[in-house]
Protein backbone atom coordinates (compact mmCIF):
# COMPACT_ATOMS: atom_id res chain seq x y z
CA MET A 1 0.56 0.24 0.00
CA LYS A 2 2.63 1.95 0.61
CA SER A 3 4.04 2.49 -2.98
CA TYR A 4 0.65 3.55 -4.04
CA VAL A 5 1.16 6.28 -1.77
CA PRO A 6 3.20 8.66 -3.70
CA LEU A 7 1.95 7.76 -6.80
CA LEU A 8 -1.84 9.37 -5.25
CA TRP A 9 -0.53 11.71 -4.65
CA ALA A 10 1.10 12.91 -7.48
CA LEU A 11 -2.35 12.00 -9.60
CA LEU A 12 -4.06 14.58 -7.22
CA ILE A 13 -1.72 17.28 -7.87
CA GLY A 14 -1.35 16.90 -11.32
CA SER A 15 -5.66 17.09 -11.17
CA VAL A 16 -5.78 20.34 -8.88
CA SER A 17 -3.20 22.45 -11.08
CA THR A 18 -4.15 21.00 -15.02
CA SER A 19 -8.33 22.54 -13.02
CA PHE A 20 -6.88 25.28 -12.04
CA SER A 21 -5.08 25.84 -15.32
CA GLN A 22 -7.86 25.91 -17.31
CA ASP A 23 -9.61 28.57 -14.38
CA SER A 24 -7.23 31.20 -14.96
CA GLN A 25 -6.93 30.91 -18.72
CA SER A 26 -10.25 33.92 -19.61
CA THR A 27 -11.61 33.95 -22.78
CA VAL A 28 -11.70 36.98 -24.60
CA ASP A 29 -15.57 37.95 -26.45
CA VAL A 30 -15.44 40.59 -28.76
CA ASN A 31 -19.13 41.39 -28.88
CA THR A 32 -19.69 42.48 -24.97
CA ASP A 33 -17.31 45.51 -25.75
CA ILE A 34 -19.01 46.99 -28.91
CA ASP A 35 -21.95 49.40 -28.46
CA VAL A 36 -24.15 48.95 -30.72
CA VAL A 37 -25.12 52.18 -29.90
CA ALA A 38 -22.64 53.81 -31.79
CA VAL A 39 -22.43 51.42 -34.85
CA TYR A 40 -26.27 52.71 -35.85
CA GLU A 41 -25.82 55.61 -35.13
CA GLN A 42 -22.32 55.31 -37.72
CA TYR A 43 -24.88 53.94 -39.90
CA VAL A 44 -27.18 56.76 -39.88
CA LYS A 45 -24.54 58.73 -40.65
CA GLU A 46 -23.23 57.02 -43.56
CA GLY A 47 -27.40 57.01 -45.02
CA TYR A 48 -28.49 53.72 -44.29
CA GLY A 49 -30.85 54.54 -42.12
CA ASP A 50 -34.27 52.78 -41.97
CA LEU A 51 -36.99 52.52 -39.44
CA LYS A 52 -35.75 48.97 -37.49
CA VAL A 53 -32.97 50.95 -37.33
CA TYR A 54 -34.05 54.46 -35.98
CA LYS A 55 -35.82 52.83 -33.61
CA ARG A 56 -32.99 51.35 -31.73
CA LEU A 57 -30.96 54.37 -31.79
CA ALA A 58 -34.02 55.90 -30.10
CA ASN A 59 -34.80 53.27 -27.36
CA GLY A 60 -31.32 53.09 -27.04
CA PHE A 61 -31.04 57.21 -26.32
CA TYR A 62 -33.43 56.75 -23.96
CA PHE A 63 -32.14 53.93 -21.69
CA LYS A 64 -29.07 55.61 -21.27
CA ASN A 65 -30.70 58.66 -20.46
CA GLU A 66 -29.22 60.87 -23.23
CA TYR A 67 -32.86 62.16 -23.70
CA LEU A 68 -31.83 64.85 -26.91
CA LYS A 69 -30.34 62.46 -29.01
CA ALA A 70 -33.46 60.50 -28.62
CA LYS A 71 -35.69 62.73 -29.14
CA GLN A 72 -34.07 63.26 -32.70
CA TYR A 73 -34.43 59.29 -33.43
CA PHE A 74 -38.13 59.27 -31.98
CA GLU A 75 -39.13 62.13 -33.69
CA THR A 76 -37.25 60.74 -37.18
CA TRP A 77 -39.15 57.31 -36.40
CA PHE A 78 -42.96 58.58 -35.59
CA ASP A 79 -42.59 60.59 -39.57
CA ILE A 80 -41.94 57.47 -40.97
CA GLU A 81 -44.81 55.02 -38.44
CA PRO A 82 -47.32 56.85 -36.12
CA PRO A 83 -46.02 55.94 -32.47
CA THR A 84 -47.03 53.24 -30.89
CA GLU A 85 -48.46 53.58 -26.37
CA THR A 86 -44.72 52.73 -25.42
CA ALA A 87 -42.99 54.89 -27.59
CA ALA A 88 -45.73 57.61 -26.78
CA HIS A 89 -44.53 57.44 -23.61
CA ARG A 90 -41.22 56.83 -23.50
CA TYR A 91 -41.26 60.48 -26.27
CA ARG A 92 -43.46 61.94 -23.37
CA GLN A 93 -40.62 60.50 -20.99
CA THR A 94 -37.91 62.57 -22.67
CA LEU A 95 -39.60 66.02 -23.94
CA LYS A 96 -40.29 66.11 -19.11
CA ALA A 97 -36.99 64.97 -19.36
CA LEU A 98 -36.32 67.80 -21.33
CA GLN A 99 -38.65 70.10 -19.89
CA LEU A 100 -39.58 70.84 -23.32
CA PRO A 101 -43.51 71.56 -23.93
CA LEU A 102 -45.83 67.91 -24.08
CA LYS A 103 -49.02 69.83 -24.65
CA ASN A 104 -49.69 70.19 -28.79
CA ASN A 105 -47.12 68.31 -29.99
CA LYS A 106 -47.44 66.72 -33.15
CA TYR A 107 -46.08 63.24 -32.72
CA LEU A 108 -48.07 62.60 -28.81
CA LEU A 109 -51.84 64.55 -31.02
CA ALA A 110 -53.41 60.62 -30.51
CA PHE A 111 -51.83 60.28 -27.09
CA GLN A 112 -53.33 63.69 -25.23
CA GLU A 113 -56.89 62.81 -23.92
CA LYS A 114 -55.27 59.75 -22.07
CA ASP A 115 -52.23 62.51 -19.87
């Protein structure tokens, strides 16, 4: 039995060191470091904007608390397609954050009676 003890210790130490070395190696995911809103904004600057991109930019800037840019893209979106209730709510909150009047806003006329 004594002849197996050093062998067992060697196997145990070898397996533990192998598992630790695998944990110390980190993989890099390039997709986590990309600012998608900045990519879409560059896409629009190059002249390739469409409704889907304007929606993503408006919501992206809204959630990043960049209300001036959010307002711009909400209005571009609403020029193409009437706002949904959720989009109108976010646009209304954007205007409030910018301390702009809500009354008689052409994009919110359909939702005025709900205010």
